[in-house]
PDB file of N, CA and C in Angstrom:
ATOM      1  N   MET A   1     117.052 102.186 111.576  1.00  0.00           N
ATOM      2  CA  MET A   1     116.169 103.173 110.993  1.00  0.00           C
ATOM      3  C   MET A   1     117.017 104.329 110.484  1.00  0.00           C
ATOM      4  N   ALA A   2     116.769 104.748 109.256  1.00  0.00           N
ATOM      5  CA  ALA A   2     117.435 105.923 108.704  1.00  0.00           C
ATOM      6  C   ALA A   2     116.475 107.103 108.792  1.00  0.00           C
ATOM      7  N   ILE A   3     116.985 108.233 109.217  1.00  0.00           N
ATOM      8  CA  ILE A   3     116.188 109.459 109.294  1.00  0.00           C
ATOM      9  C   ILE A   3     116.839 110.480 108.380  1.00  0.00           C
ATOM     10  N   LEU A   4     116.076 110.934 107.385  1.00  0.00           N
ATOM     11  CA  LEU A   4     116.553 111.928 106.433  1.00  0.00           C
ATOM     12  C   LEU A   4     115.680 113.168 106.544  1.00  0.00           C
ATOM     13  N   SER A   5     116.267 114.340 106.367  1.00  0.00           N
ATOM     14  CA  SER A   5     115.508 115.585 106.531  1.00  0.00           C
ATOM     15  C   SER A   5     115.900 116.612 105.482  1.00  0.00           C
ATOM     16  N   THR A   6     114.945 117.444 105.111  1.00  0.00           N
ATOM     17  CA  THR A   6     115.258 118.571 104.232  1.00  0.00           C
ATOM     18  C   THR A   6     115.967 119.662 105.008  1.00  0.00           C
ATOM     19  N   GLY A   7     115.811 119.652 106.333  1.00  0.00           N
ATOM     20  CA  GLY A   7     116.231 120.791 107.136  1.00  0.00           C
ATOM     21  C   GLY A   7     115.171 121.870 106.990  1.00  0.00           C
ATOM     22  N   PRO A   8     115.266 122.935 107.773  1.00  0.00           N
ATOM     23  CA  PRO A   8     114.270 124.006 107.700  1.00  0.00           C
ATOM     24  C   PRO A   8     114.334 124.717 106.348  1.00  0.00           C
ATOM     25  N   ILE A   9     113.189 124.959 105.754  1.00  0.00           N
ATOM     26  CA  ILE A   9     113.098 125.699 104.494  1.00  0.00           C
ATOM     27  C   ILE A   9     112.272 126.954 104.740  1.00  0.00           C
ATOM     28  N   GLU A  10     112.894 128.098 104.564  1.00  0.00           N
ATOM     29  CA  GLU A  10     112.225 129.383 104.754  1.00  0.00           C
ATOM     30  C   GLU A  10     111.459 129.735 103.484  1.00  0.00           C
ATOM     31  N   ASN A  11     110.233 130.221 103.641  1.00  0.00           N
ATOM     32  CA  ASN A  11     109.345 130.496 102.518  1.00  0.00           C
ATOM     33  C   ASN A  11     108.608 131.813 102.747  1.00  0.00           C
ATOM     34  N   ASN A  12     109.354 132.847 103.104  1.00  0.00           N
ATOM     35  CA  ASN A  12     108.748 134.143 103.417  1.00  0.00           C
ATOM     36  C   ASN A  12     108.093 134.776 102.190  1.00  0.00           C
ATOM     37  N   ALA A  13     107.001 135.476 102.438  1.00  0.00           N
ATOM     38  CA  ALA A  13     106.254 136.130 101.365  1.00  0.00           C
ATOM     39  C   ALA A  13     107.051 137.274 100.757  1.00  0.00           C
ATOM     40  N   ILE A  14     106.929 137.404  99.437  1.00  0.00           N
ATOM     41  CA  ILE A  14     107.503 138.514  98.683  1.00  0.00           C
ATOM     42  C   ILE A  14     106.331 139.221  98.020  1.00  0.00           C
ATOM     43  N   SER A  15     106.124 140.496  98.369  1.00  0.00           N
ATOM     44  CA  SER A  15     104.962 141.253  97.884  1.00  0.00           C
ATOM     45  C   SER A  15     103.667 140.520  98.195  1.00  0.00           C
ATOM     46  N   GLY A  16     103.612 139.909  99.370  1.00  0.00           N
ATOM     47  CA  GLY A  16     102.400 139.243  99.830  1.00  0.00           C
ATOM     48  C   GLY A  16     102.198 137.821  99.336  1.00  0.00           C
ATOM     49  N   VAL A  17     103.135 137.289  98.534  1.00  0.00           N
ATOM     50  CA  VAL A  17     102.992 135.935  97.995  1.00  0.00           C
ATOM     51  C   VAL A  17     104.245 135.128  98.325  1.00  0.00           C
ATOM     52  N   ARG A  18     104.036 133.941  98.883  1.00  0.00           N
ATOM     53  CA  ARG A  18     105.168 133.061  99.172  1.00  0.00           C
ATOM     54  C   ARG A  18     105.631 132.393  97.873  1.00  0.00           C
ATOM     55  N   PRO A  19     106.953 132.234  97.701  1.00  0.00           N
ATOM     56  CA  PRO A  19     107.443 131.614  96.464  1.00  0.00           C
ATOM     57  C   PRO A  19     106.902 130.200  96.255  1.00  0.00           C
ATOM     58  N   THR A  20     106.866 129.397  97.317  1.00  0.00           N
ATOM     59  CA  THR A  20     106.408 128.015  97.209  1.00  0.00           C
ATOM     60  C   THR A  20     105.002 127.881  97.783  1.00  0.00           C
ATOM     61  N   GLN A  21     104.119 127.306  96.974  1.00  0.00           N
ATOM     62  CA  GLN A  21     102.736 127.053  97.385  1.00  0.00           C
ATOM     63  C   GLN A  21     102.502 125.568  97.660  1.00  0.00           C
ATOM     64  N   THR A  22     103.181 124.717  96.893  1.00  0.00           N
ATOM     65  CA  THR A  22     103.080 123.273  97.075  1.00  0.00           C
ATOM     66  C   THR A  22     104.483 122.656  97.049  1.00  0.00           C
ATOM     67  N   VAL A  23     104.603 121.486  97.649  1.00  0.00           N
ATOM     68  CA  VAL A  23     105.854 120.732  97.640  1.00  0.00           C
ATOM     69  C   VAL A  23     105.573 119.402  96.964  1.00  0.00           C
ATOM     70  N   THR A  24     106.417 119.052  96.005  1.00  0.00           N
ATOM     71  CA  THR A  24     106.349 117.748  95.362  1.00  0.00           C
ATOM     72  C   THR A  24     107.505 116.912  95.881  1.00  0.00           C
ATOM     73  N   VAL A  25     107.176 115.723  96.366  1.00  0.00           N
ATOM     74  CA  VAL A  25     108.189 114.779  96.858  1.00  0.00           C
ATOM     75  C   VAL A  25     108.214 113.614  95.879  1.00  0.00           C
ATOM     76  N   LYS A  26     109.395 113.318  95.341  1.00  0.00           N
ATOM     77  CA  LYS A  26     109.577 112.159  94.469  1.00  0.00           C
ATOM     78  C   LYS A  26     110.449 111.158  95.209  1.00  0.00           C
ATOM     79  N   ILE A  27     109.987 109.909  95.234  1.00  0.00           N
ATOM     80  CA  ILE A  27     110.688 108.854  95.942  1.00  0.00           C
ATOM     81  C   ILE A  27     110.881 107.691  94.974  1.00  0.00           C
ATOM     82  N   SER A  28     112.116 107.193  94.898  1.00  0.00           N
ATOM     83  CA  SER A  28     112.368 106.045  94.032  1.00  0.00           C
ATOM     84  C   SER A  28     113.049 104.941  94.832  1.00  0.00           C
ATOM     85  N   LYS A  29     112.712 103.728  94.489  1.00  0.00           N
ATOM     86  CA  LYS A  29     113.316 102.542  95.104  1.00  0.00           C
ATOM     87  C   LYS A  29     114.252 101.958  94.058  1.00  0.00           C
ATOM     88  N   ARG A  30     115.559 101.985  94.329  1.00  0.00           N
ATOM     89  CA  ARG A  30     116.561 101.592  93.336  1.00  0.00           C
ATOM     90  C   ARG A  30     117.015 100.147  93.450  1.00  0.00           C
ATOM     91  N   ASN A  31     116.324  99.330  94.194  1.00  0.00           N
ATOM     92  CA  ASN A  31     116.726  97.941  94.380  1.00  0.00           C
ATOM     93  C   ASN A  31     115.626  97.053  93.821  1.00  0.00           C
ATOM     94  N   ALA A  32     116.010  96.037  93.087  1.00  0.00           N
ATOM     95  CA  ALA A  32     115.023  95.147  92.466  1.00  0.00           C
ATOM     96  C   ALA A  32     114.482  94.087  93.431  1.00  0.00           C
ATOM     97  N   ALA A  33     115.040  94.001  94.633  1.00  0.00           N
ATOM     98  CA  ALA A  33     114.626  92.961  95.573  1.00  0.00           C
ATOM     99  C   ALA A  33     113.889  93.568  96.767  1.00  0.00           C
ATOM    100  N   GLY A  34     112.607  93.273  96.871  1.00  0.00           N
ATOM    101  CA  GLY A  34     111.834  93.689  98.049  1.00  0.00           C
ATOM    102  C   GLY A  34     111.444  95.153  98.064  1.00  0.00           C
ATOM    103  N   GLY A  35     110.300  95.400  98.644  1.00  0.00           N
ATOM    104  CA  GLY A  35     109.801  96.758  98.782  1.00  0.00           C
ATOM    105  C   GLY A  35     110.261  97.391 100.078  1.00  0.00           C
ATOM    106  N   SER A  36     109.887  98.642 100.268  1.00  0.00           N
ATOM    107  CA  SER A  36     110.263  99.380 101.477  1.00  0.00           C
ATOM    108  C   SER A  36     109.077 100.208 101.950  1.00  0.00           C
ATOM    109  N   SER A  37     109.035 100.442 103.243  1.00  0.00           N
ATOM    110  CA  SER A  37     108.055 101.368 103.812  1.00  0.00           C
ATOM    111  C   SER A  37     108.798 102.635 104.200  1.00  0.00           C
ATOM    112  N   LEU A  38     108.158 103.761 103.981  1.00  0.00           N
ATOM    113  CA  LEU A  38     108.761 105.056 104.268  1.00  0.00           C
ATOM    114  C   LEU A  38     107.728 105.934 104.951  1.00  0.00           C
ATOM    115  N   SER A  39     108.105 106.524 106.063  1.00  0.00           N
ATOM    116  CA  SER A  39     107.243 107.468 106.767  1.00  0.00           C
ATOM    117  C   SER A  39     107.621 108.873 106.324  1.00  0.00           C
ATOM    118  N   ILE A  40     106.615 109.665 105.965  1.00  0.00           N
ATOM    119  CA  ILE A  40     106.824 111.057 105.562  1.00  0.00           C
ATOM    120  C   ILE A  40     106.165 111.939 106.612  1.00  0.00           C
ATOM    121  N   GLN A  41     106.938 112.853 107.167  1.00  0.00           N
ATOM    122  CA  GLN A  41     106.424 113.810 108.144  1.00  0.00           C
ATOM    123  C   GLN A  41     106.755 115.214 107.677  1.00  0.00           C
ATOM    124  N   GLY A  42     105.746 116.061 107.627  1.00  0.00           N
ATOM    125  CA  GLY A  42     105.938 117.461 107.269  1.00  0.00           C
ATOM    126  C   GLY A  42     105.625 118.327 108.470  1.00  0.00           C
ATOM    127  N   TYR A  43     106.469 119.321 108.709  1.00  0.00           N
ATOM    128  CA  TYR A  43     106.305 120.192 109.872  1.00  0.00           C
ATOM    129  C   TYR A  43     106.194 121.649 109.443  1.00  0.00           C
ATOM    130  N   VAL A  44     105.278 122.373 110.078  1.00  0.00           N
ATOM    131  CA  VAL A  44     105.207 123.822 109.979  1.00  0.00           C
ATOM    132  C   VAL A  44     106.184 124.352 111.018  1.00  0.00           C
ATOM    133  N   LEU A  45     107.065 125.252 110.605  1.00  0.00           N
ATOM    134  CA  LEU A  45     108.039 125.814 111.534  1.00  0.00           C
ATOM    135  C   LEU A  45     107.655 127.251 111.841  1.00  0.00           C
ATOM    136  N   GLY A  46     107.444 127.527 113.105  1.00  0.00           N
ATOM    137  CA  GLY A  46     107.108 128.867 113.573  1.00  0.00           C
ATOM    138  C   GLY A  46     107.640 128.995 114.976  1.00  0.00           C
ATOM    139  N   ALA A  47     106.832 129.520 115.866  1.00  0.00           N
ATOM    140  CA  ALA A  47     107.226 129.576 117.275  1.00  0.00           C
ATOM    141  C   ALA A  47     107.363 128.159 117.837  1.00  0.00           C
ATOM    142  N   THR A  48     106.614 127.219 117.240  1.00  0.00           N
ATOM    143  CA  THR A  48     106.722 125.797 117.582  1.00  0.00           C
ATOM    144  C   THR A  48     106.842 124.998 116.290  1.00  0.00           C
ATOM    145  N   ARG A  49     107.220 123.771 116.411  1.00  0.00           N
ATOM    146  CA  ARG A  49     107.320 122.848 115.274  1.00  0.00           C
ATOM    147  C   ARG A  49     106.076 121.973 115.313  1.00  0.00           C
ATOM    148  N   THR A  50     105.194 122.124 114.314  1.00  0.00           N
ATOM    149  CA  THR A  50     103.901 121.462 114.323  1.00  0.00           C
ATOM    150  C   THR A  50     103.782 120.490 113.150  1.00  0.00           C
ATOM    151  N   LEU A  51     103.458 119.244 113.463  1.00  0.00           N
ATOM    152  CA  LEU A  51     103.273 118.218 112.438  1.00  0.00           C
ATOM    153  C   LEU A  51     102.009 118.514 111.634  1.00  0.00           C
ATOM    154  N   TYR A  52     102.122 118.552 110.303  1.00  0.00           N
ATOM    155  CA  TYR A  52     100.931 118.735 109.464  1.00  0.00           C
ATOM    156  C   TYR A  52     100.810 117.684 108.366  1.00  0.00           C
ATOM    157  N   VAL A  53     101.861 116.893 108.143  1.00  0.00           N
ATOM    158  CA  VAL A  53     101.806 115.762 107.222  1.00  0.00           C
ATOM    159  C   VAL A  53     102.337 114.546 107.970  1.00  0.00           C
ATOM    160  N   SER A  54     101.575 113.469 107.948  1.00  0.00           N
ATOM    161  CA  SER A  54     102.032 112.216 108.542  1.00  0.00           C
ATOM    162  C   SER A  54     101.465 111.091 107.691  1.00  0.00           C
ATOM    163  N   GLU A  55     102.358 110.425 106.961  1.00  0.00           N
ATOM    164  CA  GLU A  55     101.916 109.419 106.010  1.00  0.00           C
ATOM    165  C   GLU A  55     102.973 108.325 105.917  1.00  0.00           C
ATOM    166  N   VAL A  56     102.526 107.086 105.803  1.00  0.00           N
ATOM    167  CA  VAL A  56     103.426 105.964 105.556  1.00  0.00           C
ATOM    168  C   VAL A  56     103.074 105.411 104.186  1.00  0.00           C
ATOM    169  N   ILE A  57     104.097 105.265 103.351  1.00  0.00           N
ATOM    170  CA  ILE A  57     103.857 104.719 102.015  1.00  0.00           C
ATOM    171  C   ILE A  57     104.732 103.493 101.814  1.00  0.00           C
ATOM    172  N   HIS A  58     104.280 102.607 100.951  1.00  0.00           N
ATOM    173  CA  HIS A  58     105.062 101.420 100.589  1.00  0.00           C
ATOM    174  C   HIS A  58     105.548 101.622  99.158  1.00  0.00           C
ATOM    175  N   ILE A  59     106.828 101.347  98.931  1.00  0.00           N
ATOM    176  CA  ILE A  59     107.431 101.517  97.610  1.00  0.00           C
ATOM    177  C   ILE A  59     107.898 100.155  97.126  1.00  0.00           C
ATOM    178  N   ALA A  60     107.409  99.748  95.979  1.00  0.00           N
ATOM    179  CA  ALA A  60     107.808  98.473  95.384  1.00  0.00           C
ATOM    180  C   ALA A  60     109.185  98.616  94.730  1.00  0.00           C
ATOM    181  N   PRO A  61     109.860  97.513  94.470  1.00  0.00           N
ATOM    182  CA  PRO A  61     111.156  97.575  93.791  1.00  0.00           C
ATOM    183  C   PRO A  61     111.048  98.309  92.451  1.00  0.00           C
ATOM    184  N   ASN A  62     111.992  99.188  92.179  1.00  0.00           N
ATOM    185  CA  ASN A  62     112.075  99.975  90.939  1.00  0.00           C
ATOM    186  C   ASN A  62     110.868 100.881  90.700  1.00  0.00           C
ATOM    187  N   GLU A  63     110.118 101.196  91.742  1.00  0.00           N
ATOM    188  CA  GLU A  63     108.956 102.074  91.623  1.00  0.00           C
ATOM    189  C   GLU A  63     109.356 103.518  91.931  1.00  0.00           C
ATOM    190  N   VAL A  64     108.636 104.458  91.327  1.00  0.00           N
ATOM    191  CA  VAL A  64     108.776 105.879  91.639  1.00  0.00           C
ATOM    192  C   VAL A  64     107.414 106.370  92.104  1.00  0.00           C
ATOM    193  N   VAL A  65     107.397 107.040  93.264  1.00  0.00           N
ATOM    194  CA  VAL A  65     106.159 107.571  93.843  1.00  0.00           C
ATOM    195  C   VAL A  65     106.277 109.087  93.902  1.00  0.00           C
ATOM    196  N   THR A  66     105.215 109.784  93.508  1.00  0.00           N
ATOM    197  CA  THR A  66     105.169 111.241  93.578  1.00  0.00           C
ATOM    198  C   THR A  66     104.044 111.652  94.510  1.00  0.00           C
ATOM    199  N   LYS A  67     104.354 112.493  95.477  1.00  0.00           N
ATOM    200  CA  LYS A  67     103.370 113.002  96.437  1.00  0.00           C
ATOM    201  C   LYS A  67     103.429 114.525  96.408  1.00  0.00           C
ATOM    202  N   ASN A  68     102.270 115.167  96.526  1.00  0.00           N
ATOM    203  CA  ASN A  68     102.186 116.627  96.563  1.00  0.00           C
ATOM    204  C   ASN A  68     101.566 117.065  97.882  1.00  0.00           C
ATOM    205  N   TYR A  69     102.154 118.107  98.484  1.00  0.00           N
ATOM    206  CA  TYR A  69     101.693 118.598  99.781  1.00  0.00           C
ATOM    207  C   TYR A  69     101.576 120.123  99.769  1.00  0.00           C
ATOM    208  N   PHE A  70     100.661 120.624 100.570  1.00  0.00           N
ATOM    209  CA  PHE A  70     100.475 122.049 100.783  1.00  0.00           C
ATOM    210  C   PHE A  70     101.744 122.629 101.399  1.00  0.00           C
ATOM    211  N   ALA A  71     102.168 123.821 100.932  1.00  0.00           N
ATOM    212  CA  ALA A  71     103.379 124.425 101.500  1.00  0.00           C
ATOM    213  C   ALA A  71     103.297 125.947 101.524  1.00  0.00           C
ATOM    214  N   ASP A  72     102.100 126.517 101.499  1.00  0.00           N
ATOM    215  CA  ASP A  72     101.939 127.976 101.569  1.00  0.00           C
ATOM    216  C   ASP A  72     102.127 128.397 103.024  1.00  0.00           C
ATOM    217  N   LEU A  73     103.353 128.235 103.496  1.00  0.00           N
ATOM    218  CA  LEU A  73     103.714 128.439 104.903  1.00  0.00           C
ATOM    219  C   LEU A  73     104.984 129.288 104.968  1.00  0.00           C
ATOM    220  N   ASP A  74     105.200 129.989 106.085  1.00  0.00           N
ATOM    221  CA  ASP A  74     106.412 130.801 106.234  1.00  0.00           C
ATOM    222  C   ASP A  74     107.671 129.942 106.274  1.00  0.00           C
ATOM    223  N   ALA A  75     107.584 128.755 106.860  1.00  0.00           N
ATOM    224  CA  ALA A  75     108.721 127.834 106.921  1.00  0.00           C
ATOM    225  C   ALA A  75     108.202 126.420 107.144  1.00  0.00           C
ATOM    226  N   TYR A  76     108.923 125.449 106.589  1.00  0.00           N
ATOM    227  CA  TYR A  76     108.512 124.062 106.725  1.00  0.00           C
ATOM    228  C   TYR A  76     109.740 123.152 106.676  1.00  0.00           C
ATOM    229  N   GLU A  77     109.521 121.900 107.052  1.00  0.00           N
ATOM    230  CA  GLU A  77     110.568 120.884 107.008  1.00  0.00           C
ATOM    231  C   GLU A  77     109.907 119.541 106.757  1.00  0.00           C
ATOM    232  N   PHE A  78     110.545 118.702 105.952  1.00  0.00           N
ATOM    233  CA  PHE A  78     110.067 117.341 105.747  1.00  0.00           C
ATOM    234  C   PHE A  78     111.107 116.363 106.265  1.00  0.00           C
ATOM    235  N   VAL A  79     110.622 115.325 106.964  1.00  0.00           N
ATOM    236  CA  VAL A  79     111.480 114.285 107.531  1.00  0.00           C
ATOM    237  C   VAL A  79     110.986 112.950 106.987  1.00  0.00           C
ATOM    238  N   PHE A  80     111.939 112.097 106.598  1.00  0.00           N
ATOM    239  CA  PHE A  80     111.639 110.792 106.020  1.00  0.00           C
ATOM    240  C   PHE A  80     112.308 109.726 106.871  1.00  0.00           C
ATOM    241  N   LEU A  81     111.537 108.704 107.260  1.00  0.00           N
ATOM    242  CA  LEU A  81     112.071 107.620 108.089  1.00  0.00           C
ATOM    243  C   LEU A  81     111.899 106.290 107.364  1.00  0.00           C
ATOM    244  N   THR A  82     112.984 105.539 107.261  1.00  0.00           N
ATOM    245  CA  THR A  82     112.910 104.192 106.689  1.00  0.00           C
ATOM    246  C   THR A  82     112.953 103.190 107.832  1.00  0.00           C
ATOM    247  N   ALA A  83     112.430 102.003 107.586  1.00  0.00           N
ATOM    248  CA  ALA A  83     112.396 100.969 108.624  1.00  0.00           C
ATOM    249  C   ALA A  83     113.788 100.427 108.928  1.00  0.00           C
ATOM    250  N   ASP A  84     114.674 100.456 107.935  1.00  0.00           N
ATOM    251  CA  ASP A  84     116.005  99.867 108.072  1.00  0.00           C
ATOM    252  C   ASP A  84     117.052 100.861 107.569  1.00  0.00           C
ATOM    253  N   ALA A  85     118.104 101.087 108.331  1.00  0.00           N
ATOM    254  CA  ALA A  85     119.156 102.033 107.947  1.00  0.00           C
ATOM    255  C   ALA A  85     119.810 101.637 106.630  1.00  0.00           C
ATOM    256  N   ALA A  86     119.859 100.347 106.323  1.00  0.00           N
ATOM    257  CA  ALA A  86     120.472  99.885 105.076  1.00  0.00           C
ATOM    258  C   ALA A  86     119.697 100.362 103.850  1.00  0.00           C
ATOM    259  N   GLU A  87     118.411 100.690 104.022  1.00  0.00           N
ATOM    260  CA  GLU A  87     117.584 101.139 102.897  1.00  0.00           C
ATOM    261  C   GLU A  87     117.923 102.557 102.449  1.00  0.00           C
ATOM    262  N   GLU A  88     118.661 103.285 103.248  1.00  0.00           N
ATOM    263  CA  GLU A  88     118.989 104.667 102.907  1.00  0.00           C
ATOM    264  C   GLU A  88     119.649 104.765 101.534  1.00  0.00           C
ATOM    265  N   ASP A  89     120.507 103.806 101.189  1.00  0.00           N
ATOM    266  CA  ASP A  89     121.191 103.826  99.896  1.00  0.00           C
ATOM    267  C   ASP A  89     120.310 103.340  98.755  1.00  0.00           C
ATOM    268  N   GLU A  90     119.195 102.684  99.064  1.00  0.00           N
ATOM    269  CA  GLU A  90     118.313 102.135  98.043  1.00  0.00           C
ATOM    270  C   GLU A  90     117.163 103.065  97.686  1.00  0.00           C
ATOM    271  N   ILE A  91     116.912 104.066  98.517  1.00  0.00           N
ATOM    272  CA  ILE A  91     115.777 104.964  98.306  1.00  0.00           C
ATOM    273  C   ILE A  91     116.294 106.350  97.958  1.00  0.00           C
ATOM    274  N   GLY A  92     115.826 106.871  96.840  1.00  0.00           N
ATOM    275  CA  GLY A  92     116.170 108.232  96.429  1.00  0.00           C
ATOM    276  C   GLY A  92     114.991 109.145  96.699  1.00  0.00           C
ATOM    277  N   ILE A  93     115.253 110.297  97.290  1.00  0.00           N
ATOM    278  CA  ILE A  93     114.189 111.240  97.624  1.00  0.00           C
ATOM    279  C   ILE A  93     114.582 112.618  97.124  1.00  0.00           C
ATOM    280  N   SER A  94     113.659 113.291  96.458  1.00  0.00           N
ATOM    281  CA  SER A  94     113.866 114.690  96.112  1.00  0.00           C
ATOM    282  C   SER A  94     112.621 115.468  96.506  1.00  0.00           C
ATOM    283  N   VAL A  95     112.832 116.707  96.914  1.00  0.00           N
ATOM    284  CA  VAL A  95     111.752 117.585  97.369  1.00  0.00           C
ATOM    285  C   VAL A  95     111.837 118.862  96.550  1.00  0.00           C
ATOM    286  N   TRP A  96     110.727 119.234  95.931  1.00  0.00           N
ATOM    287  CA  TRP A  96     110.701 120.382  95.024  1.00  0.00           C
ATOM    288  C   TRP A  96     109.600 121.360  95.421  1.00  0.00           C
ATOM    289  N   GLY A  97     109.959 122.599  95.707  1.00  0.00           N
ATOM    290  CA  GLY A  97     108.970 123.643  95.935  1.00  0.00           C
ATOM    291  C   GLY A  97     108.417 124.101  94.605  1.00  0.00           C
ATOM    292  N   LYS A  98     107.110 124.366  94.554  1.00  0.00           N
ATOM    293  CA  LYS A  98     106.482 124.835  93.313  1.00  0.00           C
ATOM    294  C   LYS A  98     105.622 126.057  93.593  1.00  0.00           C
ATOM    295  N   SER A  99     105.639 126.985  92.655  1.00  0.00           N
ATOM    296  CA  SER A  99     104.830 128.195  92.764  1.00  0.00           C
ATOM    297  C   SER A  99     103.367 127.869  92.474  1.00  0.00           C
ATOM    298  N   SER A 100     102.514 128.876  92.579  1.00  0.00           N
ATOM    299  CA  SER A 100     101.082 128.677  92.320  1.00  0.00           C
ATOM    300  C   SER A 100     100.820 128.279  90.871  1.00  0.00           C
ATOM    301  N   THR A 101     101.755 128.583  89.960  1.00  0.00           N
ATOM    302  CA  THR A 101     101.596 128.209  88.552  1.00  0.00           C
ATOM    303  C   THR A 101     102.295 126.892  88.221  1.00  0.00           C
ATOM    304  N   GLY A 102     102.879 126.246  89.243  1.00  0.00           N
ATOM    305  CA  GLY A 102     103.539 124.970  89.032  1.00  0.00           C
ATOM    306  C   GLY A 102     105.002 125.072  88.642  1.00  0.00           C
ATOM    307  N   GLN A 103     105.545 126.280  88.628  1.00  0.00           N
ATOM    308  CA  GLN A 103     106.960 126.468  88.298  1.00  0.00           C
ATOM    309  C   GLN A 103     107.829 126.039  89.480  1.00  0.00           C
ATOM    310  N   LEU A 104     108.953 125.395  89.194  1.00  0.00           N
ATOM    311  CA  LEU A 104     109.870 124.982  90.251  1.00  0.00           C
ATOM    312  C   LEU A 104     110.526 126.198  90.889  1.00  0.00           C
ATOM    313  N   VAL A 105     110.663 126.166  92.209  1.00  0.00           N
ATOM    314  CA  VAL A 105     111.354 127.211  92.963  1.00  0.00           C
ATOM    315  C   VAL A 105     112.727 126.629  93.306  1.00  0.00           C
ATOM    316  N   ALA A 106     113.741 127.021  92.546  1.00  0.00           N
ATOM    317  CA  ALA A 106     115.075 126.421  92.666  1.00  0.00           C
ATOM    318  C   ALA A 106     115.631 126.502  94.083  1.00  0.00           C
ATOM    319  N   ALA A 107     115.355 127.575  94.783  1.00  0.00           N
ATOM    320  CA  ALA A 107     115.876 127.733  96.148  1.00  0.00           C
ATOM    321  C   ALA A 107     115.242 126.745  97.129  1.00  0.00           C
ATOM    322  N   HIS A 108     114.118 126.137  96.738  1.00  0.00           N
ATOM    323  CA  HIS A 108     113.396 125.216  97.629  1.00  0.00           C
ATOM    324  C   HIS A 108     113.434 123.785  97.117  1.00  0.00           C
ATOM    325  N   ARG A 109     114.540 123.376  96.570  1.00  0.00           N
ATOM    326  CA  ARG A 109     114.686 122.004  96.120  1.00  0.00           C
ATOM    327  C   ARG A 109     115.791 121.337  96.929  1.00  0.00           C
ATOM    328  N   VAL A 110     115.528 120.085  97.290  1.00  0.00           N
ATOM    329  CA  VAL A 110     116.504 119.286  98.041  1.00  0.00           C
ATOM    330  C   VAL A 110     116.533 117.920  97.381  1.00  0.00           C
ATOM    331  N   VAL A 111     117.723 117.441  97.052  1.00  0.00           N
ATOM    332  CA  VAL A 111     117.861 116.122  96.449  1.00  0.00           C
ATOM    333  C   VAL A 111     118.613 115.199  97.409  1.00  0.00           C
ATOM    334  N   THR A 112     118.581 113.911  97.124  1.00  0.00           N
ATOM    335  CA  THR A 112     119.068 112.889  98.046  1.00  0.00           C
ATOM    336  C   THR A 112     120.426 113.200  98.662  1.00  0.00           C
ATOM    337  N   HIS A 113     121.401 113.577  97.878  1.00  0.00           N
ATOM    338  CA  HIS A 113     122.751 113.750  98.430  1.00  0.00           C
ATOM    339  C   HIS A 113     122.884 114.992  99.308  1.00  0.00           C
ATOM    340  N   GLU A 114     121.863 115.835  99.388  1.00  0.00           N
ATOM    341  CA  GLU A 114     121.920 117.033 100.216  1.00  0.00           C
ATOM    342  C   GLU A 114     121.225 116.865 101.570  1.00  0.00           C
ATOM    343  N   LYS A 115     120.475 115.776 101.752  1.00  0.00           N
ATOM    344  CA  LYS A 115     119.716 115.607 102.989  1.00  0.00           C
ATOM    345  C   LYS A 115     120.610 115.228 104.155  1.00  0.00           C
ATOM    346  N   LEU A 116     120.152 115.516 105.367  1.00  0.00           N
ATOM    347  CA  LEU A 116     120.843 115.076 106.572  1.00  0.00           C
ATOM    348  C   LEU A 116     120.620 113.588 106.742  1.00  0.00           C
ATOM    349  N   GLY A 117     121.551 112.889 107.368  1.00  0.00           N
ATOM    350  CA  GLY A 117     121.391 111.458 107.478  1.00  0.00           C
ATOM    351  C   GLY A 117     121.604 110.874 108.859  1.00  0.00           C
ATOM    352  N   SER A 118     121.781 111.676 109.856  1.00  0.00           N
ATOM    353  CA  SER A 118     122.087 111.136 111.177  1.00  0.00           C
ATOM    354  C   SER A 118     120.983 111.436 112.164  1.00  0.00           C
ATOM    355  N   GLN A 119     120.626 110.453 112.979  1.00  0.00           N
ATOM    356  CA  GLN A 119     119.615 110.670 114.005  1.00  0.00           C
ATOM    357  C   GLN A 119     120.060 111.765 114.957  1.00  0.00           C
ATOM    358  N   ASP A 120     121.341 111.904 115.188  1.00  0.00           N
ATOM    359  CA  ASP A 120     121.851 112.908 116.110  1.00  0.00           C
ATOM    360  C   ASP A 120     121.637 114.333 115.603  1.00  0.00           C
ATOM    361  N   GLN A 121     121.500 114.496 114.285  1.00  0.00           N
ATOM    362  CA  GLN A 121     121.356 115.819 113.711  1.00  0.00           C
ATOM    363  C   GLN A 121     119.915 116.310 113.719  1.00  0.00           C
ATOM    364  N   ILE A 122     118.961 115.419 113.960  1.00  0.00           N
ATOM    365  CA  ILE A 122     117.549 115.776 113.862  1.00  0.00           C
ATOM    366  C   ILE A 122     116.900 115.657 115.227  1.00  0.00           C
ATOM    367  N   GLN A 123     116.314 116.707 115.697  1.00  0.00           N
ATOM    368  CA  GLN A 123     115.585 116.683 116.965  1.00  0.00           C
ATOM    369  C   GLN A 123     114.112 116.521 116.663  1.00  0.00           C
ATOM    370  N   GLN A 124     113.498 115.465 117.189  1.00  0.00           N
ATOM    371  CA  GLN A 124     112.067 115.252 116.908  1.00  0.00           C
ATOM    372  C   GLN A 124     111.232 115.640 118.076  1.00  0.00           C
TER     373      GLN A 124
END
């Protein structure tokens, strides 16, 4: 099993408005043979770490899936789990924070090569 994480993302309000209101997750399967299942977990980070997104999706070969999630929170983290560690190289994941007008928040974007990849680095 591969576990990938955005790590904690701080989203403090500026003049009463948080920069990121929604998070868009794009997932691509780069292998033409066989599909993959991916678990998506989103956590609210505060005094405790609270699960608020829990979803399993199936990705067909060469498919791209886009998911949108609520993110008007002071801090959040997304964790992605694949069924097989070998799939880590076949699945591309990017996470994009978006403002209330749909503009990308550059400080809240994470792409595949920036995610954590070790079970030891992530405490669940």
